[in-house]
Amino acid sequence: MEIIIGNSENFEEITSKGDVLVDFFATWCGPCKMLTLELEEIKDKVQIMKIDIDENLELCKRFGVMSVPTLVYFKKDGTYVMHIGYMTSDEILKFIQS
């Protein structure tokens, strides 16, 4: 699957379906760049959306994103879980399965 570049216009449509991993990132963030490589490894296993925090402040406020990288996994039942910081691709897969 292709990694989606998210914003306030397409966010609801994509996350409302569930099983979506959202990466809140910044272009200036070193760990975010490292995380992008890990996300590339698992993009065929889970739908991924990237949200640039500098361009989407309202979404950051809404979900309480205060540091990057922050991953938010939206489940089909409408709930979500968050993780702050870098993870390997294996750790990400465990995180979304929990």
N, C-alpha and C. Protein backbone atom coordinates (compact mmCIF):
# COMPACT_ATOMS: atom_id res chain seq x y z
N MET A 1 0.84 -1.18 0.00
CA MET A 1 0.00 0.00 0.00
C MET A 1 0.88 1.24 0.00
N GLU A 2 0.33 2.26 -0.54
CA GLU A 2 1.04 3.53 -0.56
C GLU A 2 0.85 4.27 0.76
N ILE A 3 1.89 4.92 1.24
CA ILE A 3 1.78 5.74 2.44
C ILE A 3 1.06 7.03 2.05
N ILE A 4 0.02 7.36 2.80
CA ILE A 4 -0.81 8.53 2.50
C ILE A 4 -0.26 9.75 3.24
N ILE A 5 -0.21 10.86 2.56
CA ILE A 5 0.12 12.13 3.21
C ILE A 5 -1.20 12.72 3.70
N GLY A 6 -1.32 12.83 5.00
CA GLY A 6 -2.57 13.27 5.59
C GLY A 6 -2.61 14.75 5.89
N ASN A 7 -3.83 15.24 6.04
CA ASN A 7 -4.09 16.62 6.44
C ASN A 7 -5.50 16.68 7.01
N SER A 8 -5.93 17.86 7.41
CA SER A 8 -7.25 17.98 8.04
C SER A 8 -8.38 17.65 7.07
N GLU A 9 -8.12 17.71 5.78
CA GLU A 9 -9.17 17.43 4.80
C GLU A 9 -9.41 15.94 4.58
N ASN A 10 -8.37 15.10 4.65
CA ASN A 10 -8.57 13.68 4.39
C ASN A 10 -8.46 12.81 5.64
N PHE A 11 -8.15 13.41 6.77
CA PHE A 11 -7.90 12.68 8.00
C PHE A 11 -9.11 11.83 8.43
N GLU A 12 -10.26 12.45 8.56
CA GLU A 12 -11.47 11.74 9.04
C GLU A 12 -11.86 10.60 8.12
N GLU A 13 -11.84 10.87 6.84
CA GLU A 13 -12.25 9.86 5.86
C GLU A 13 -11.39 8.59 5.98
N ILE A 14 -10.12 8.76 6.16
CA ILE A 14 -9.21 7.61 6.19
C ILE A 14 -9.19 6.93 7.56
N THR A 15 -9.13 7.69 8.64
CA THR A 15 -9.04 7.07 9.96
C THR A 15 -10.37 6.47 10.42
N SER A 16 -11.48 6.94 9.90
CA SER A 16 -12.78 6.43 10.34
C SER A 16 -12.99 4.97 9.95
N LYS A 17 -12.25 4.48 8.98
CA LYS A 17 -12.37 3.09 8.54
C LYS A 17 -11.63 2.14 9.49
N GLY A 18 -10.71 2.67 10.27
CA GLY A 18 -9.94 1.85 11.20
C GLY A 18 -8.79 1.13 10.54
N ASP A 19 -7.98 0.49 11.38
CA ASP A 19 -6.77 -0.19 10.93
C ASP A 19 -5.86 0.75 10.15
N VAL A 20 -5.62 1.93 10.72
CA VAL A 20 -4.76 2.94 10.11
C VAL A 20 -3.74 3.40 11.14
N LEU A 21 -2.48 3.38 10.76
CA LEU A 21 -1.40 3.86 11.60
C LEU A 21 -1.03 5.26 11.14
N VAL A 22 -1.17 6.23 12.04
CA VAL A 22 -0.87 7.62 11.71
C VAL A 22 0.45 8.00 12.38
N ASP A 23 1.35 8.53 11.56
CA ASP A 23 2.66 8.97 12.02
C ASP A 23 2.67 10.49 12.05
N PHE A 24 2.64 11.06 13.26
CA PHE A 24 2.79 12.50 13.42
C PHE A 24 4.29 12.77 13.44
N PHE A 25 4.77 13.53 12.46
CA PHE A 25 6.21 13.72 12.28
C PHE A 25 6.53 15.18 11.98
N ALA A 26 7.84 15.47 11.95
CA ALA A 26 8.33 16.78 11.51
C ALA A 26 9.50 16.54 10.57
N THR A 27 9.61 17.36 9.56
CA THR A 27 10.68 17.20 8.57
C THR A 27 12.06 17.42 9.19
N TRP A 28 12.14 18.18 10.28
CA TRP A 28 13.40 18.51 10.93
C TRP A 28 13.80 17.50 12.01
N CYS A 29 13.00 16.47 12.22
CA CYS A 29 13.17 15.51 13.31
C CYS A 29 13.97 14.29 12.85
N GLY A 30 15.14 14.08 13.46
CA GLY A 30 15.99 12.94 13.12
C GLY A 30 15.33 11.59 13.36
N PRO A 31 14.77 11.35 14.57
CA PRO A 31 14.10 10.07 14.81
C PRO A 31 12.91 9.84 13.87
N CYS A 32 12.26 10.91 13.44
CA CYS A 32 11.15 10.78 12.49
C CYS A 32 11.65 10.23 11.16
N LYS A 33 12.80 10.69 10.73
CA LYS A 33 13.38 10.20 9.48
C LYS A 33 13.74 8.72 9.60
N MET A 34 14.28 8.34 10.74
CA MET A 34 14.60 6.93 10.97
C MET A 34 13.33 6.09 10.99
N LEU A 35 12.27 6.61 11.60
CA LEU A 35 11.00 5.89 11.68
C LEU A 35 10.39 5.69 10.29
N THR A 36 10.58 6.66 9.41
CA THR A 36 10.05 6.55 8.06
C THR A 36 10.59 5.30 7.37
N LEU A 37 11.87 4.99 7.58
CA LEU A 37 12.46 3.79 6.99
C LEU A 37 11.78 2.53 7.53
N GLU A 38 11.46 2.53 8.81
CA GLU A 38 10.77 1.38 9.42
C GLU A 38 9.35 1.25 8.86
N LEU A 39 8.68 2.37 8.68
CA LEU A 39 7.31 2.35 8.14
C LEU A 39 7.30 1.84 6.71
N GLU A 40 8.31 2.18 5.94
CA GLU A 40 8.40 1.68 4.57
C GLU A 40 8.44 0.15 4.55
N GLU A 41 9.06 -0.45 5.55
CA GLU A 41 9.17 -1.90 5.62
C GLU A 41 7.83 -2.59 5.87
N ILE A 42 6.89 -1.89 6.51
CA ILE A 42 5.62 -2.54 6.87
C ILE A 42 4.42 -1.97 6.12
N LYS A 43 4.65 -1.13 5.14
CA LYS A 43 3.53 -0.46 4.47
C LYS A 43 2.61 -1.42 3.74
N ASP A 44 3.05 -2.64 3.48
CA ASP A 44 2.17 -3.63 2.84
C ASP A 44 1.35 -4.42 3.86
N LYS A 45 1.62 -4.18 5.15
CA LYS A 45 0.92 -4.90 6.21
C LYS A 45 -0.13 -4.05 6.92
N VAL A 46 0.00 -2.73 6.81
CA VAL A 46 -0.93 -1.82 7.48
C VAL A 46 -1.01 -0.51 6.70
N GLN A 47 -2.20 0.07 6.67
CA GLN A 47 -2.35 1.38 6.03
C GLN A 47 -1.66 2.42 6.89
N ILE A 48 -0.85 3.27 6.28
CA ILE A 48 -0.08 4.28 7.01
C ILE A 48 -0.40 5.66 6.46
N MET A 49 -0.59 6.58 7.37
CA MET A 49 -0.79 7.99 7.01
C MET A 49 0.24 8.81 7.77
N LYS A 50 0.87 9.75 7.09
CA LYS A 50 1.84 10.64 7.73
C LYS A 50 1.23 12.04 7.84
N ILE A 51 1.35 12.63 9.03
CA ILE A 51 0.84 13.98 9.30
C ILE A 51 2.01 14.85 9.71
N ASP A 52 2.30 15.88 8.92
CA ASP A 52 3.35 16.85 9.25
C ASP A 52 2.80 17.78 10.33
N ILE A 53 3.43 17.76 11.50
CA ILE A 53 2.89 18.54 12.63
C ILE A 53 2.95 20.04 12.38
N ASP A 54 3.93 20.49 11.61
CA ASP A 54 4.06 21.92 11.36
C ASP A 54 2.97 22.45 10.43
N GLU A 55 2.34 21.56 9.69
CA GLU A 55 1.29 21.96 8.76
C GLU A 55 -0.11 21.59 9.26
N ASN A 56 -0.20 20.88 10.37
CA ASN A 56 -1.49 20.38 10.86
C ASN A 56 -1.61 20.54 12.36
N LEU A 57 -1.49 21.76 12.83
CA LEU A 57 -1.51 22.04 14.26
C LEU A 57 -2.82 21.64 14.94
N GLU A 58 -3.94 21.80 14.25
CA GLU A 58 -5.23 21.45 14.85
C GLU A 58 -5.32 19.96 15.15
N LEU A 59 -4.83 19.12 14.23
CA LEU A 59 -4.84 17.68 14.49
C LEU A 59 -3.92 17.33 15.65
N CYS A 60 -2.81 18.02 15.75
CA CYS A 60 -1.89 17.78 16.88
C CYS A 60 -2.57 18.13 18.20
N LYS A 61 -3.25 19.26 18.23
CA LYS A 61 -3.96 19.67 19.45
C LYS A 61 -5.04 18.66 19.79
N ARG A 62 -5.77 18.24 18.80
CA ARG A 62 -6.89 17.32 19.00
C ARG A 62 -6.45 16.00 19.65
N PHE A 63 -5.28 15.51 19.26
CA PHE A 63 -4.80 14.23 19.78
C PHE A 63 -3.70 14.38 20.83
N GLY A 64 -3.41 15.61 21.23
CA GLY A 64 -2.44 15.84 22.29
C GLY A 64 -1.01 15.50 21.91
N VAL A 65 -0.69 15.66 20.63
CA VAL A 65 0.66 15.36 20.17
C VAL A 65 1.57 16.50 20.62
N MET A 66 2.52 16.16 21.49
CA MET A 66 3.42 17.17 22.03
C MET A 66 4.88 16.89 21.72
N SER A 67 5.16 15.71 21.17
CA SER A 67 6.51 15.43 20.72
C SER A 67 6.45 14.45 19.56
N VAL A 68 7.53 14.43 18.80
CA VAL A 68 7.57 13.59 17.61
C VAL A 68 8.80 12.69 17.66
N PRO A 69 8.70 11.53 17.04
CA PRO A 69 7.52 11.01 16.36
C PRO A 69 6.48 10.48 17.35
N THR A 70 5.22 10.62 16.98
CA THR A 70 4.12 10.02 17.72
C THR A 70 3.32 9.18 16.73
N LEU A 71 3.12 7.92 17.10
CA LEU A 71 2.29 7.03 16.29
C LEU A 71 0.95 6.85 16.97
N VAL A 72 -0.11 6.93 16.17
CA VAL A 72 -1.46 6.70 16.66
C VAL A 72 -2.08 5.63 15.76
N TYR A 73 -2.51 4.53 16.38
CA TYR A 73 -3.14 3.45 15.62
C TYR A 73 -4.64 3.49 15.86
N PHE A 74 -5.38 3.71 14.79
CA PHE A 74 -6.84 3.77 14.84
C PHE A 74 -7.39 2.38 14.54
N LYS A 75 -8.19 1.87 15.48
CA LYS A 75 -8.75 0.53 15.35
C LYS A 75 -10.13 0.59 14.71
N LYS A 76 -10.59 -0.55 14.23
CA LYS A 76 -11.90 -0.61 13.57
C LYS A 76 -13.04 -0.28 14.52
N ASP A 77 -12.85 -0.51 15.82
CA ASP A 77 -13.93 -0.25 16.77
C ASP A 77 -14.03 1.23 17.17
N GLY A 78 -13.22 2.08 16.53
CA GLY A 78 -13.29 3.51 16.80
C GLY A 78 -12.33 4.00 17.87
N THR A 79 -11.65 3.09 18.53
CA THR A 79 -10.67 3.49 19.55
C THR A 79 -9.30 3.66 18.90
N TYR A 80 -8.39 4.22 19.67
CA TYR A 80 -7.02 4.35 19.18
C TYR A 80 -6.05 4.25 20.34
N VAL A 81 -4.81 3.90 19.98
CA VAL A 81 -3.71 3.82 20.95
C VAL A 81 -2.57 4.66 20.43
N MET A 82 -1.77 5.21 21.35
CA MET A 82 -0.67 6.09 20.97
C MET A 82 0.66 5.57 21.50
N HIS A 83 1.71 5.89 20.76
CA HIS A 83 3.08 5.61 21.20
C HIS A 83 3.94 6.81 20.80
N ILE A 84 4.75 7.26 21.73
CA ILE A 84 5.66 8.39 21.45
C ILE A 84 7.07 7.84 21.34
N GLY A 85 7.75 8.21 20.25
CA GLY A 85 9.14 7.81 20.06
C GLY A 85 9.34 6.80 18.96
N TYR A 86 10.59 6.57 18.68
CA TYR A 86 11.01 5.66 17.62
C TYR A 86 10.74 4.21 18.00
N MET A 87 10.38 3.40 17.01
CA MET A 87 10.23 1.95 17.16
C MET A 87 10.74 1.28 15.89
N THR A 88 11.19 0.05 16.03
CA THR A 88 11.56 -0.73 14.85
C THR A 88 10.28 -1.24 14.18
N SER A 89 10.41 -1.75 12.98
CA SER A 89 9.23 -2.27 12.28
C SER A 89 8.59 -3.42 13.05
N ASP A 90 9.39 -4.29 13.66
CA ASP A 90 8.83 -5.38 14.46
C ASP A 90 8.07 -4.86 15.67
N GLU A 91 8.62 -3.85 16.33
CA GLU A 91 7.94 -3.26 17.48
C GLU A 91 6.63 -2.59 17.06
N ILE A 92 6.63 -1.96 15.91
CA ILE A 92 5.41 -1.32 15.41
C ILE A 92 4.33 -2.37 15.17
N LEU A 93 4.69 -3.47 14.54
CA LEU A 93 3.71 -4.52 14.28
C LEU A 93 3.15 -5.09 15.59
N LYS A 94 3.99 -5.26 16.60
CA LYS A 94 3.50 -5.71 17.92
C LYS A 94 2.57 -4.68 18.53
N PHE A 95 2.93 -3.41 18.40
CA PHE A 95 2.12 -2.31 18.94
C PHE A 95 0.72 -2.29 18.33
N ILE A 96 0.61 -2.47 17.03
CA ILE A 96 -0.72 -2.41 16.40
C ILE A 96 -1.53 -3.68 16.64
N GLN A 97 -0.87 -4.75 17.03
CA GLN A 97 -1.59 -5.99 17.31
C GLN A 97 -2.05 -6.09 18.76
N SER A 98 -1.58 -5.17 19.60
CA SER A 98 -1.95 -5.25 21.03
C SER A 98 -3.29 -4.63 21.30
